[in-house]
């Protein structure tokens, strides 16, 4: 499954909000430097979908706020 994600780095708290069936808004406390925000986004989405973080991969948008994530196996 692929999901579009809109990311807000350096938020006050980490949260995930479903905007529609294929789009999430994810706020993370991590800064965007050194991939910290990307790792935090993958963890937050994995927790939200109840899958291991290893099953969440960013396939597009490594350096932008708009990303496409691919979730393999067991996502709801």
C-alpha atoms as a PDB file:
ATOM      1  CA  UNK A   1       0.000   0.000   0.000  1.00  0.00           C
ATOM      2  CA  UNK A   2       1.187   3.530  -0.727  1.00  0.00           C
ATOM      3  CA  UNK A   3       0.223   6.610   1.233  1.00  0.00           C
ATOM      4  CA  UNK A   4       0.770  10.290   0.584  1.00  0.00           C
ATOM      5  CA  UNK A   5       2.131  12.052   3.660  1.00  0.00           C
ATOM      6  CA  UNK A   6       2.375  15.736   4.474  1.00  0.00           C
ATOM      7  CA  UNK A   7       5.074  16.253   7.118  1.00  0.00           C
ATOM      8  CA  UNK A   8       5.498  18.994   9.707  1.00  0.00           C
ATOM      9  CA  UNK A   9       8.941  18.746  11.351  1.00  0.00           C
ATOM     10  CA  UNK A  10       9.776  20.417  14.689  1.00  0.00           C
ATOM     11  CA  UNK A  11       6.183  20.187  15.924  1.00  0.00           C
ATOM     12  CA  UNK A  12       5.313  20.522  19.595  1.00  0.00           C
ATOM     13  CA  UNK A  13       4.273  16.861  19.687  1.00  0.00           C
ATOM     14  CA  UNK A  14       4.187  13.861  17.374  1.00  0.00           C
ATOM     15  CA  UNK A  15       0.773  13.119  15.902  1.00  0.00           C
ATOM     16  CA  UNK A  16      -0.767  11.430  12.863  1.00  0.00           C
ATOM     17  CA  UNK A  17      -4.025  12.538  11.272  1.00  0.00           C
ATOM     18  CA  UNK A  18      -5.794  10.809   8.391  1.00  0.00           C
ATOM     19  CA  UNK A  19      -6.930  13.397   5.838  1.00  0.00           C
ATOM     20  CA  UNK A  20      -8.492  10.844   3.470  1.00  0.00           C
ATOM     21  CA  UNK A  21      -8.057   7.099   2.819  1.00  0.00           C
ATOM     22  CA  UNK A  22      -4.722   7.616   1.034  1.00  0.00           C
ATOM     23  CA  UNK A  23      -3.293  10.717   2.761  1.00  0.00           C
ATOM     24  CA  UNK A  24      -1.884  11.324   6.231  1.00  0.00           C
ATOM     25  CA  UNK A  25      -0.687  14.492   7.930  1.00  0.00           C
ATOM     26  CA  UNK A  26       2.216  13.677  10.244  1.00  0.00           C
ATOM     27  CA  UNK A  27       3.757  16.086  12.739  1.00  0.00           C
ATOM     28  CA  UNK A  28       7.057  15.068  14.353  1.00  0.00           C
ATOM     29  CA  UNK A  29       9.224  16.762  16.959  1.00  0.00           C
ATOM     30  CA  UNK A  30      12.464  15.927  15.134  1.00  0.00           C
ATOM     31  CA  UNK A  31      14.266  18.453  12.924  1.00  0.00           C
ATOM     32  CA  UNK A  32      14.637  17.730   9.215  1.00  0.00           C
ATOM     33  CA  UNK A  33      18.444  17.616   9.391  1.00  0.00           C
ATOM     34  CA  UNK A  34      20.298  14.370   8.782  1.00  0.00           C
ATOM     35  CA  UNK A  35      17.141  12.392   8.052  1.00  0.00           C
ATOM     36  CA  UNK A  36      15.928  12.632  11.659  1.00  0.00           C
ATOM     37  CA  UNK A  37      12.434  13.740  10.646  1.00  0.00           C
ATOM     38  CA  UNK A  38      12.186  10.988   8.008  1.00  0.00           C
ATOM     39  CA  UNK A  39      13.001   8.333  10.600  1.00  0.00           C
ATOM     40  CA  UNK A  40      10.487   9.863  13.019  1.00  0.00           C
ATOM     41  CA  UNK A  41       7.810   9.910  10.301  1.00  0.00           C
ATOM     42  CA  UNK A  42       8.409   6.224   9.516  1.00  0.00           C
ATOM     43  CA  UNK A  43       8.132   5.344  13.237  1.00  0.00           C
ATOM     44  CA  UNK A  44       4.980   7.444  13.724  1.00  0.00           C
ATOM     45  CA  UNK A  45       3.249   5.965  10.679  1.00  0.00           C
ATOM     46  CA  UNK A  46       4.277   2.439  11.701  1.00  0.00           C
ATOM     47  CA  UNK A  47       2.799   2.993  15.182  1.00  0.00           C
ATOM     48  CA  UNK A  48      -0.379   4.471  13.676  1.00  0.00           C
ATOM     49  CA  UNK A  49      -0.832   1.515  11.299  1.00  0.00           C
ATOM     50  CA  UNK A  50       0.370  -1.037  13.876  1.00  0.00           C
ATOM     51  CA  UNK A  51       3.136  -2.448  11.686  1.00  0.00           C
ATOM     52  CA  UNK A  52       6.878  -2.750  12.368  1.00  0.00           C
ATOM     53  CA  UNK A  53       8.891   0.339  11.316  1.00  0.00           C
ATOM     54  CA  UNK A  54      10.912  -1.867   8.965  1.00  0.00           C
ATOM     55  CA  UNK A  55       7.784  -2.194   6.783  1.00  0.00           C
ATOM     56  CA  UNK A  56       7.541   1.561   6.177  1.00  0.00           C
ATOM     57  CA  UNK A  57       9.725   3.009   3.413  1.00  0.00           C
ATOM     58  CA  UNK A  58       9.864   6.482   1.898  1.00  0.00           C
ATOM     59  CA  UNK A  59       9.774   6.004  -1.876  1.00  0.00           C
ATOM     60  CA  UNK A  60       9.456   9.663  -2.905  1.00  0.00           C
ATOM     61  CA  UNK A  61      10.139  12.998  -1.241  1.00  0.00           C
ATOM     62  CA  UNK A  62      13.179  12.308   0.929  1.00  0.00           C
ATOM     63  CA  UNK A  63      13.948  16.027   1.254  1.00  0.00           C
ATOM     64  CA  UNK A  64      10.478  17.579   1.035  1.00  0.00           C
ATOM     65  CA  UNK A  65       7.393  17.842   3.196  1.00  0.00           C
ATOM     66  CA  UNK A  66       5.281  15.887   0.698  1.00  0.00           C
ATOM     67  CA  UNK A  67       6.260  12.219   0.714  1.00  0.00           C
ATOM     68  CA  UNK A  68       5.014   8.923  -0.646  1.00  0.00           C
ATOM     69  CA  UNK A  69       5.388   6.021   1.775  1.00  0.00           C
ATOM     70  CA  UNK A  70       5.161   2.370   0.892  1.00  0.00           C
ATOM     71  CA  UNK A  71       3.864   0.047   3.596  1.00  0.00           C
ATOM     72  CA  UNK A  72       4.364  -3.665   3.059  1.00  0.00           C
ATOM     73  CA  UNK A  73       2.284  -6.372   4.709  1.00  0.00           C
ATOM     74  CA  UNK A  74      -0.240  -6.143   7.536  1.00  0.00           C
ATOM     75  CA  UNK A  75      -1.314  -2.490   7.128  1.00  0.00           C
ATOM     76  CA  UNK A  76      -4.905  -1.592   7.874  1.00  0.00           C
END
